[in-house]
Amino acid sequence: MRVAIANRLRGRSIDGLALLEKGLIALLALQLVRLAWVVVTPIGSFGPWEGRQAQLLPPAARQALFASFDPFFRSGAPQTAGKGVVTSLALTLYGIRLNEGSGLGSAIIAAPDGVQNSFAVGDEILPGVVLKSVSFDHVTIDRGGAEEQIFLDQSAPVPTAAPEGGEAPASPPASPPPSSPPATAGPTADSLKRDIAFAPRMQNGRVTGLVVSAKGPGFASAGFRPGDIISQINGQPVGDLQSVQNQIAPGARLSLTVERGATVASVNLIVQGQ
């Protein structure tokens, strides 16, 4: 009796395996038929595949499009960025230093009084006016929450090259901007170092200025007075005596912020060679 039951169960197991095998064979045959259908008739449900064709504008439309802007900015009008406008403040931009890696930088800007200072991004130029960003030809300022631009003055003509074997034609001298600060041209680097004594002013263990005193005639000709204290050079706080000595070189333009008693004065110098 037990042998008969075992044989019956074994027979059912064999029938189940055979049925599974037939199902797998049928599924494989169906996939082969579908593959053959795709190879023979490569047409989708929406018809044969076609690539998208380029849509070209007619010649008149292309001419109107390219006439609407100048990719080389030769029109002469400053191109404002975004919704910004050119500022109405009496600020003059003289130079830009742009760090393309970090997006930061600094700019040399003259205030309404004509004194040039170097401002980094985030510095306050005037009360309520902050340098927000710099670009290759202009800077953006934040004026009470509104963005405004200051552009470099590129109106000066380019000098004419001299022809080979001849002299360059005389060109009219470019007039300086009206807000450019006057500079005293006269003292040489040697006379400044020889006729002026510098003594550091210490506050909380650090140098906050240089007290100048007369050692020769170059002191007065440079525009200093007894008791003057130099607190900034070209808009940067005075660090140490050595850094000041390194900046006194032939051809250097120095914009000095001087504490003169209870007032602050500006001394601008163009250091001569000899």
C-alpha atoms as a PDB file:
ATOM      1  CA  MET A   1       0.000   0.000   0.000  1.00  0.00           C
ATOM      2  CA  ARG A   2       2.788   2.431   0.927  1.00  0.00           C
ATOM      3  CA  VAL A   3       4.715   1.531  -2.248  1.00  0.00           C
ATOM      4  CA  ALA A   4       1.683   2.353  -4.397  1.00  0.00           C
ATOM      5  CA  ILE A   5       1.219   5.733  -2.733  1.00  0.00           C
ATOM      6  CA  ALA A   6       4.910   6.581  -3.189  1.00  0.00           C
ATOM      7  CA  ASN A   7       4.781   5.629  -6.885  1.00  0.00           C
ATOM      8  CA  ARG A   8       1.690   7.790  -7.346  1.00  0.00           C
ATOM      9  CA  LEU A   9       3.355  10.817  -5.727  1.00  0.00           C
ATOM     10  CA  ARG A  10       6.505  10.262  -7.790  1.00  0.00           C
ATOM     11  CA  GLY A  11       4.404  10.209 -10.955  1.00  0.00           C
ATOM     12  CA  ARG A  12       2.699  13.498 -10.055  1.00  0.00           C
ATOM     13  CA  SER A  13       6.095  15.136  -9.424  1.00  0.00           C
ATOM     14  CA  ILE A  14       7.344  14.009 -12.821  1.00  0.00           C
ATOM     15  CA  ASP A  15       4.207  15.365 -14.489  1.00  0.00           C
ATOM     16  CA  GLY A  16       4.678  18.727 -12.755  1.00  0.00           C
ATOM     17  CA  LEU A  17       8.291  19.026 -13.921  1.00  0.00           C
ATOM     18  CA  ALA A  18       7.296  18.126 -17.455  1.00  0.00           C
ATOM     19  CA  LEU A  19       4.552  20.756 -17.409  1.00  0.00           C
ATOM     20  CA  LEU A  20       7.025  23.416 -16.134  1.00  0.00           C
ATOM     21  CA  GLU A  21       9.509  22.479 -18.820  1.00  0.00           C
ATOM     22  CA  LYS A  22       6.874  22.828 -21.537  1.00  0.00           C
ATOM     23  CA  GLY A  23       5.878  26.246 -20.179  1.00  0.00           C
ATOM     24  CA  LEU A  24       9.484  27.502 -20.277  1.00  0.00           C
ATOM     25  CA  ILE A  25       9.908  26.220 -23.836  1.00  0.00           C
ATOM     26  CA  ALA A  26       6.711  27.999 -24.885  1.00  0.00           C
ATOM     27  CA  LEU A  27       7.880  31.267 -23.269  1.00  0.00           C
ATOM     28  CA  LEU A  28      11.265  31.043 -25.019  1.00  0.00           C
ATOM     29  CA  ALA A  29       9.550  30.422 -28.350  1.00  0.00           C
ATOM     30  CA  LEU A  30       7.367  33.513 -27.803  1.00  0.00           C
ATOM     31  CA  GLN A  31      10.404  35.695 -27.111  1.00  0.00           C
ATOM     32  CA  LEU A  32      12.133  34.413 -30.262  1.00  0.00           C
ATOM     33  CA  VAL A  33       9.051  35.276 -32.315  1.00  0.00           C
ATOM     34  CA  ARG A  34       8.972  38.816 -30.847  1.00  0.00           C
ATOM     35  CA  LEU A  35      12.677  39.283 -31.592  1.00  0.00           C
ATOM     36  CA  ALA A  36      12.205  38.201 -35.175  1.00  0.00           C
ATOM     37  CA  TRP A  37       9.265  40.586 -35.517  1.00  0.00           C
ATOM     38  CA  VAL A  38      11.324  43.538 -34.278  1.00  0.00           C
ATOM     39  CA  VAL A  39      14.205  42.726 -36.639  1.00  0.00           C
ATOM     40  CA  VAL A  40      12.005  42.241 -39.723  1.00  0.00           C
ATOM     41  CA  THR A  41       9.673  45.227 -39.198  1.00  0.00           C
ATOM     42  CA  PRO A  42      11.510  48.055 -37.256  1.00  0.00           C
ATOM     43  CA  ILE A  43       8.431  50.286 -37.122  1.00  0.00           C
ATOM     44  CA  GLY A  44       7.054  51.621 -33.873  1.00  0.00           C
ATOM     45  CA  SER A  45       3.481  52.053 -32.893  1.00  0.00           C
ATOM     46  CA  PHE A  46       3.562  55.645 -34.209  1.00  0.00           C
ATOM     47  CA  GLY A  47       5.099  54.833 -37.569  1.00  0.00           C
ATOM     48  CA  PRO A  48       8.701  54.811 -38.844  1.00  0.00           C
ATOM     49  CA  TRP A  49      11.298  56.750 -36.774  1.00  0.00           C
ATOM     50  CA  GLU A  50      12.452  60.050 -38.169  1.00  0.00           C
ATOM     51  CA  GLY A  51      15.052  62.421 -36.713  1.00  0.00           C
ATOM     52  CA  ARG A  52      14.044  65.945 -35.738  1.00  0.00           C
ATOM     53  CA  GLN A  53      14.835  68.437 -38.448  1.00  0.00           C
ATOM     54  CA  ALA A  54      16.490  71.772 -37.631  1.00  0.00           C
ATOM     55  CA  GLN A  55      14.178  74.755 -37.909  1.00  0.00           C
ATOM     56  CA  LEU A  56      15.991  77.547 -39.764  1.00  0.00           C
ATOM     57  CA  LEU A  57      14.789  81.129 -39.669  1.00  0.00           C
ATOM     58  CA  PRO A  58      14.239  82.890 -42.973  1.00  0.00           C
ATOM     59  CA  PRO A  59      17.021  85.315 -44.028  1.00  0.00           C
ATOM     60  CA  ALA A  60      15.008  88.411 -43.066  1.00  0.00           C
ATOM     61  CA  ALA A  61      14.327  87.078 -39.550  1.00  0.00           C
ATOM     62  CA  ARG A  62      18.005  86.126 -39.043  1.00  0.00           C
ATOM     63  CA  GLN A  63      19.131  89.602 -40.116  1.00  0.00           C
ATOM     64  CA  ALA A  64      16.705  91.253 -37.687  1.00  0.00           C
ATOM     65  CA  LEU A  65      17.846  88.972 -34.852  1.00  0.00           C
ATOM     66  CA  PHE A  66      21.568  89.685 -35.233  1.00  0.00           C
ATOM     67  CA  ALA A  67      20.956  93.398 -35.769  1.00  0.00           C
ATOM     68  CA  SER A  68      19.240  93.666 -32.386  1.00  0.00           C
ATOM     69  CA  PHE A  69      22.443  93.229 -30.344  1.00  0.00           C
ATOM     70  CA  ASP A  70      26.205  93.635 -30.642  1.00  0.00           C
ATOM     71  CA  PRO A  71      28.130  90.582 -29.355  1.00  0.00           C
ATOM     72  CA  PHE A  72      31.352  92.654 -29.154  1.00  0.00           C
ATOM     73  CA  PHE A  73      29.778  95.637 -27.316  1.00  0.00           C
ATOM     74  CA  ARG A  74      30.961  98.129 -29.910  1.00  0.00           C
ATOM     75  CA  SER A  75      27.968 100.412 -29.560  1.00  0.00           C
ATOM     76  CA  GLY A  76      29.724 102.490 -26.904  1.00  0.00           C
ATOM     77  CA  ALA A  77      26.844 102.417 -24.437  1.00  0.00           C
ATOM     78  CA  PRO A  78      27.552 100.586 -21.196  1.00  0.00           C
ATOM     79  CA  GLN A  79      25.752  97.275 -20.926  1.00  0.00           C
ATOM     80  CA  THR A  80      24.010  96.997 -17.580  1.00  0.00           C
ATOM     81  CA  ALA A  81      23.686  93.625 -15.918  1.00  0.00           C
ATOM     82  CA  GLY A  82      20.254  92.345 -15.013  1.00  0.00           C
ATOM     83  CA  LYS A  83      17.949  95.073 -13.693  1.00  0.00           C
ATOM     84  CA  GLY A  84      20.772  97.266 -12.369  1.00  0.00           C
ATOM     85  CA  VAL A  85      21.263 100.864 -13.428  1.00  0.00           C
ATOM     86  CA  VAL A  86      24.278 103.130 -13.599  1.00  0.00           C
ATOM     87  CA  THR A  87      24.668 104.842 -10.237  1.00  0.00           C
ATOM     88  CA  SER A  88      24.054 108.548  -9.858  1.00  0.00           C
ATOM     89  CA  LEU A  89      26.596 108.810  -7.027  1.00  0.00           C
ATOM     90  CA  ALA A  90      29.794 110.762  -7.653  1.00  0.00           C
ATOM     91  CA  LEU A  91      31.953 107.624  -7.585  1.00  0.00           C
ATOM     92  CA  THR A  92      34.718 106.932 -10.108  1.00  0.00           C
ATOM     93  CA  LEU A  93      36.037 103.438 -10.827  1.00  0.00           C
ATOM     94  CA  TYR A  94      39.777 103.284 -11.599  1.00  0.00           C
ATOM     95  CA  GLY A  95      40.667  99.591 -11.414  1.00  0.00           C
ATOM     96  CA  ILE A  96      39.278  96.112 -10.810  1.00  0.00           C
ATOM     97  CA  ARG A  97      40.916  92.982  -9.425  1.00  0.00           C
ATOM     98  CA  LEU A  98      38.778  89.920 -10.133  1.00  0.00           C
ATOM     99  CA  ASN A  99      39.331  86.417  -8.705  1.00  0.00           C
ATOM    100  CA  GLU A 100      37.424  84.182 -11.143  1.00  0.00           C
ATOM    101  CA  GLY A 101      37.960  81.125  -8.968  1.00  0.00           C
ATOM    102  CA  SER A 102      36.211  82.471  -5.876  1.00  0.00           C
ATOM    103  CA  GLY A 103      34.079  85.110  -7.566  1.00  0.00           C
ATOM    104  CA  LEU A 104      35.454  87.742  -5.178  1.00  0.00           C
ATOM    105  CA  GLY A 105      37.788  90.634  -5.798  1.00  0.00           C
ATOM    106  CA  SER A 106      38.368  94.302  -5.102  1.00  0.00           C
ATOM    107  CA  ALA A 107      38.142  97.656  -6.838  1.00  0.00           C
ATOM    108  CA  ILE A 108      39.842 101.052  -6.666  1.00  0.00           C
ATOM    109  CA  ILE A 109      37.098 103.662  -6.340  1.00  0.00           C
ATOM    110  CA  ALA A 110      37.337 107.398  -5.796  1.00  0.00           C
ATOM    111  CA  ALA A 111      34.797 108.915  -3.411  1.00  0.00           C
ATOM    112  CA  PRO A 112      33.084 112.267  -4.114  1.00  0.00           C
ATOM    113  CA  ASP A 113      36.041 114.036  -2.465  1.00  0.00           C
ATOM    114  CA  GLY A 114      38.345 112.540  -5.124  1.00  0.00           C
ATOM    115  CA  VAL A 115      40.327 110.297  -2.775  1.00  0.00           C
ATOM    116  CA  GLN A 116      40.960 106.826  -4.178  1.00  0.00           C
ATOM    117  CA  ASN A 117      40.680 103.770  -1.940  1.00  0.00           C
ATOM    118  CA  SER A 118      40.734 100.029  -2.503  1.00  0.00           C
ATOM    119  CA  PHE A 119      37.558  98.211  -1.475  1.00  0.00           C
ATOM    120  CA  ALA A 120      37.031  94.452  -1.260  1.00  0.00           C
ATOM    121  CA  VAL A 121      33.691  92.815  -1.958  1.00  0.00           C
ATOM    122  CA  GLY A 122      31.527  93.429   1.101  1.00  0.00           C
ATOM    123  CA  ASP A 123      33.287  96.651   2.153  1.00  0.00           C
ATOM    124  CA  GLU A 124      31.309  99.844   2.718  1.00  0.00           C
ATOM    125  CA  ILE A 125      32.248 102.582   0.234  1.00  0.00           C
ATOM    126  CA  LEU A 126      29.956 105.247   1.647  1.00  0.00           C
ATOM    127  CA  PRO A 127      27.391 105.111   4.452  1.00  0.00           C
ATOM    128  CA  GLY A 128      24.714 102.729   3.177  1.00  0.00           C
ATOM    129  CA  VAL A 129      26.702 101.874   0.007  1.00  0.00           C
ATOM    130  CA  VAL A 130      28.440  98.464  -0.104  1.00  0.00           C
ATOM    131  CA  LEU A 131      30.546  96.893  -2.860  1.00  0.00           C
ATOM    132  CA  LYS A 132      28.507  93.803  -3.794  1.00  0.00           C
ATOM    133  CA  SER A 133      30.383  92.229  -6.729  1.00  0.00           C
ATOM    134  CA  VAL A 134      33.045  92.940  -9.359  1.00  0.00           C
ATOM    135  CA  SER A 135      33.188  92.119 -13.070  1.00  0.00           C
ATOM    136  CA  PHE A 136      35.821  92.605 -15.749  1.00  0.00           C
ATOM    137  CA  ASP A 137      34.588  96.092 -16.738  1.00  0.00           C
ATOM    138  CA  HIS A 138      32.251  97.230 -13.949  1.00  0.00           C
ATOM    139  CA  VAL A 139      31.310  96.741 -10.315  1.00  0.00           C
ATOM    140  CA  THR A 140      27.920  96.381  -8.643  1.00  0.00           C
ATOM    141  CA  ILE A 141      27.108  98.285  -5.477  1.00  0.00           C
ATOM    142  CA  ASP A 142      24.275  97.792  -3.012  1.00  0.00           C
ATOM    143  CA  ARG A 143      22.690 101.160  -2.330  1.00  0.00           C
ATOM    144  CA  GLY A 144      20.023 100.746   0.300  1.00  0.00           C
ATOM    145  CA  GLY A 145      18.945  97.371  -1.108  1.00  0.00           C
ATOM    146  CA  ALA A 146      19.025  98.482  -4.776  1.00  0.00           C
ATOM    147  CA  GLU A 147      21.746  97.274  -7.142  1.00  0.00           C
ATOM    148  CA  GLU A 148      23.603  99.891  -9.176  1.00  0.00           C
ATOM    149  CA  GLN A 149      26.666  99.700 -11.443  1.00  0.00           C
ATOM    150  CA  ILE A 150      29.858 101.709 -11.828  1.00  0.00           C
ATOM    151  CA  PHE A 151      31.718 101.208 -15.123  1.00  0.00           C
ATOM    152  CA  LEU A 152      35.352 101.752 -15.991  1.00  0.00           C
ATOM    153  CA  ASP A 153      35.937 104.869 -18.069  1.00  0.00           C
ATOM    154  CA  GLN A 154      37.083 103.514 -21.451  1.00  0.00           C
ATOM    155  CA  SER A 155      36.418 106.700 -23.417  1.00  0.00           C
ATOM    156  CA  ALA A 156      40.107 107.641 -23.727  1.00  0.00           C
ATOM    157  CA  PRO A 157      41.392 106.973 -27.281  1.00  0.00           C
ATOM    158  CA  VAL A 158      43.949 104.252 -27.898  1.00  0.00           C
ATOM    159  CA  PRO A 159      47.451 105.653 -28.709  1.00  0.00           C
ATOM    160  CA  THR A 160      48.316 105.482 -32.415  1.00  0.00           C
ATOM    161  CA  ALA A 161      51.222 103.165 -33.236  1.00  0.00           C
ATOM    162  CA  ALA A 162      54.228 104.752 -34.891  1.00  0.00           C
ATOM    163  CA  PRO A 163      54.843 103.711 -38.525  1.00  0.00           C
ATOM    164  CA  GLU A 164      58.005 101.789 -39.246  1.00  0.00           C
ATOM    165  CA  GLY A 165      60.943 104.161 -39.556  1.00  0.00           C
ATOM    166  CA  GLY A 166      58.894 107.205 -38.547  1.00  0.00           C
ATOM    167  CA  GLU A 167      57.566 109.022 -35.556  1.00  0.00           C
ATOM    168  CA  ALA A 168      54.157 108.510 -34.080  1.00  0.00           C
ATOM    169  CA  PRO A 169      51.664 111.298 -34.895  1.00  0.00           C
ATOM    170  CA  ALA A 170      50.983 113.592 -32.017  1.00  0.00           C
ATOM    171  CA  SER A 171      47.733 112.791 -30.252  1.00  0.00           C
ATOM    172  CA  PRO A 172      45.890 115.215 -27.981  1.00  0.00           C
ATOM    173  CA  PRO A 173      46.487 114.465 -24.319  1.00  0.00           C
ATOM    174  CA  ALA A 174      43.588 112.768 -22.595  1.00  0.00           C
ATOM    175  CA  SER A 175      41.996 115.014 -20.019  1.00  0.00           C
ATOM    176  CA  PRO A 176      41.880 113.450 -16.562  1.00  0.00           C
ATOM    177  CA  PRO A 177      38.514 112.630 -15.023  1.00  0.00           C
ATOM    178  CA  PRO A 178      37.048 115.568 -13.132  1.00  0.00           C
ATOM    179  CA  SER A 179      37.064 113.646  -9.866  1.00  0.00           C
ATOM    180  CA  SER A 180      40.685 112.495 -10.034  1.00  0.00           C
ATOM    181  CA  PRO A 181      42.567 113.567  -6.890  1.00  0.00           C
ATOM    182  CA  PRO A 182      45.513 115.915  -7.266  1.00  0.00           C
ATOM    183  CA  ALA A 183      48.892 114.341  -6.619  1.00  0.00           C
ATOM    184  CA  THR A 184      52.126 115.962  -5.584  1.00  0.00           C
ATOM    185  CA  ALA A 185      54.915 115.113  -7.998  1.00  0.00           C
ATOM    186  CA  GLY A 186      58.381 115.899  -6.720  1.00  0.00           C
ATOM    187  CA  PRO A 187      59.805 113.778  -3.920  1.00  0.00           C
ATOM    188  CA  THR A 188      61.943 110.878  -4.905  1.00  0.00           C
ATOM    189  CA  ALA A 189      62.070 107.508  -3.214  1.00  0.00           C
ATOM    190  CA  ASP A 190      65.486 108.333  -1.748  1.00  0.00           C
ATOM    191  CA  SER A 191      64.361 111.704  -0.380  1.00  0.00           C
ATOM    192  CA  LEU A 192      61.259 110.224   1.243  1.00  0.00           C
ATOM    193  CA  LYS A 193      63.293 107.561   3.012  1.00  0.00           C
ATOM    194  CA  ARG A 194      66.077 110.021   3.913  1.00  0.00           C
ATOM    195  CA  ASP A 195      64.078 113.088   5.022  1.00  0.00           C
ATOM    196  CA  ILE A 196      61.132 111.433   6.806  1.00  0.00           C
ATOM    197  CA  ALA A 197      61.328 109.446  10.034  1.00  0.00           C
ATOM    198  CA  PHE A 198      58.647 106.793  10.635  1.00  0.00           C
ATOM    199  CA  ALA A 199      57.736 105.606  14.131  1.00  0.00           C
ATOM    200  CA  PRO A 200      55.066 102.959  14.711  1.00  0.00           C
ATOM    201  CA  ARG A 201      51.990 103.801  16.778  1.00  0.00           C
ATOM    202  CA  MET A 202      51.064 100.768  18.884  1.00  0.00           C
ATOM    203  CA  GLN A 203      47.550 100.015  20.177  1.00  0.00           C
ATOM    204  CA  ASN A 204      46.707  96.744  21.922  1.00  0.00           C
ATOM    205  CA  GLY A 205      49.985  95.263  20.819  1.00  0.00           C
ATOM    206  CA  ARG A 206      49.631  95.974  17.104  1.00  0.00           C
ATOM    207  CA  VAL A 207      50.663  98.744  14.715  1.00  0.00           C
ATOM    208  CA  THR A 208      47.760 101.073  13.906  1.00  0.00           C
ATOM    209  CA  GLY A 209      49.701 103.851  12.205  1.00  0.00           C
ATOM    210  CA  LEU A 210      53.047 105.483  11.533  1.00  0.00           C
ATOM    211  CA  VAL A 211      54.001 108.776  13.178  1.00  0.00           C
ATOM    212  CA  VAL A 212      56.079 110.869  10.756  1.00  0.00           C
ATOM    213  CA  SER A 213      58.622 113.515  11.703  1.00  0.00           C
ATOM    214  CA  ALA A 214      60.986 115.731   9.723  1.00  0.00           C
ATOM    215  CA  LYS A 215      64.595 114.755   9.075  1.00  0.00           C
ATOM    216  CA  GLY A 216      65.131 116.956   6.013  1.00  0.00           C
ATOM    217  CA  PRO A 217      63.472 119.263   3.446  1.00  0.00           C
ATOM    218  CA  GLY A 218      61.678 116.362   1.741  1.00  0.00           C
ATOM    219  CA  PHE A 219      59.286 116.152   4.686  1.00  0.00           C
ATOM    220  CA  ALA A 220      57.520 119.455   3.966  1.00  0.00           C
ATOM    221  CA  SER A 221      57.683 119.111   0.171  1.00  0.00           C
ATOM    222  CA  ALA A 222      55.847 115.794   0.436  1.00  0.00           C
ATOM    223  CA  GLY A 223      52.918 117.551   2.144  1.00  0.00           C
ATOM    224  CA  PHE A 224      53.405 116.347   5.719  1.00  0.00           C
ATOM    225  CA  ARG A 225      53.123 118.387   8.901  1.00  0.00           C
ATOM    226  CA  PRO A 226      54.675 117.694  12.299  1.00  0.00           C
ATOM    227  CA  GLY A 227      52.558 115.221  14.274  1.00  0.00           C
ATOM    228  CA  ASP A 228      50.931 113.589  11.222  1.00  0.00           C
ATOM    229  CA  ILE A 229      50.048 109.910  11.597  1.00  0.00           C
ATOM    230  CA  ILE A 230      49.684 107.727   8.474  1.00  0.00           C
ATOM    231  CA  SER A 231      46.800 105.313   9.104  1.00  0.00           C
ATOM    232  CA  GLN A 232      46.145 103.962   5.567  1.00  0.00           C
ATOM    233  CA  ILE A 233      48.087 103.545   2.338  1.00  0.00           C
ATOM    234  CA  ASN A 234      46.055 103.127  -0.864  1.00  0.00           C
ATOM    235  CA  GLY A 235      42.998 102.296   1.218  1.00  0.00           C
ATOM    236  CA  GLN A 236      44.708  99.553   3.231  1.00  0.00           C
ATOM    237  CA  PRO A 237      45.515  99.834   6.951  1.00  0.00           C
ATOM    238  CA  VAL A 238      49.180 100.302   7.767  1.00  0.00           C
ATOM    239  CA  GLY A 239      50.680  96.957   8.760  1.00  0.00           C
ATOM    240  CA  ASP A 240      54.323  97.571   9.585  1.00  0.00           C
ATOM    241  CA  LEU A 241      57.202  99.838   8.676  1.00  0.00           C
ATOM    242  CA  GLN A 242      58.761  97.371   6.240  1.00  0.00           C
ATOM    243  CA  SER A 243      55.612  97.189   4.110  1.00  0.00           C
ATOM    244  CA  VAL A 244      55.594 100.978   3.832  1.00  0.00           C
ATOM    245  CA  GLN A 245      59.257 101.084   2.864  1.00  0.00           C
ATOM    246  CA  ASN A 246      58.586  98.496   0.125  1.00  0.00           C
ATOM    247  CA  GLN A 247      55.820 100.661  -1.376  1.00  0.00           C
ATOM    248  CA  ILE A 248      58.047 103.736  -1.625  1.00  0.00           C
ATOM    249  CA  ALA A 249      59.519 102.963  -5.037  1.00  0.00           C
ATOM    250  CA  PRO A 250      60.077 105.001  -8.231  1.00  0.00           C
ATOM    251  CA  GLY A 251      56.852 105.440 -10.175  1.00  0.00           C
ATOM    252  CA  ALA A 252      54.578 104.449  -7.284  1.00  0.00           C
ATOM    253  CA  ARG A 253      51.355 106.367  -6.708  1.00  0.00           C
ATOM    254  CA  LEU A 254      50.625 106.624  -2.992  1.00  0.00           C
ATOM    255  CA  SER A 255      47.298 107.751  -1.570  1.00  0.00           C
ATOM    256  CA  LEU A 256      47.893 108.297   2.153  1.00  0.00           C
ATOM    257  CA  THR A 257      45.217 108.798   4.806  1.00  0.00           C
ATOM    258  CA  VAL A 258      46.747 111.019   7.475  1.00  0.00           C
ATOM    259  CA  GLU A 259      45.389 111.717  10.949  1.00  0.00           C
ATOM    260  CA  ARG A 260      46.156 115.376  11.574  1.00  0.00           C
ATOM    261  CA  GLY A 261      45.000 116.260  15.061  1.00  0.00           C
ATOM    262  CA  ALA A 262      41.208 115.906  15.192  1.00  0.00           C
ATOM    263  CA  THR A 263      40.867 115.842  11.396  1.00  0.00           C
ATOM    264  CA  VAL A 264      41.739 113.394   8.626  1.00  0.00           C
ATOM    265  CA  ALA A 265      43.685 114.620   5.596  1.00  0.00           C
ATOM    266  CA  SER A 266      44.835 113.048   2.346  1.00  0.00           C
ATOM    267  CA  VAL A 267      48.386 113.182   1.008  1.00  0.00           C
ATOM    268  CA  ASN A 268      48.789 111.919  -2.557  1.00  0.00           C
ATOM    269  CA  LEU A 269      52.261 111.355  -3.943  1.00  0.00           C
ATOM    270  CA  ILE A 270      53.800 110.299  -7.238  1.00  0.00           C
ATOM    271  CA  VAL A 271      57.242 109.010  -6.339  1.00  0.00           C
ATOM    272  CA  GLN A 272      59.882 110.151  -8.802  1.00  0.00           C
ATOM    273  CA  GLY A 273      62.809 108.029  -9.945  1.00  0.00           C
ATOM    274  CA  GLN A 274      65.741 110.263  -9.198  1.00  0.00           C
END
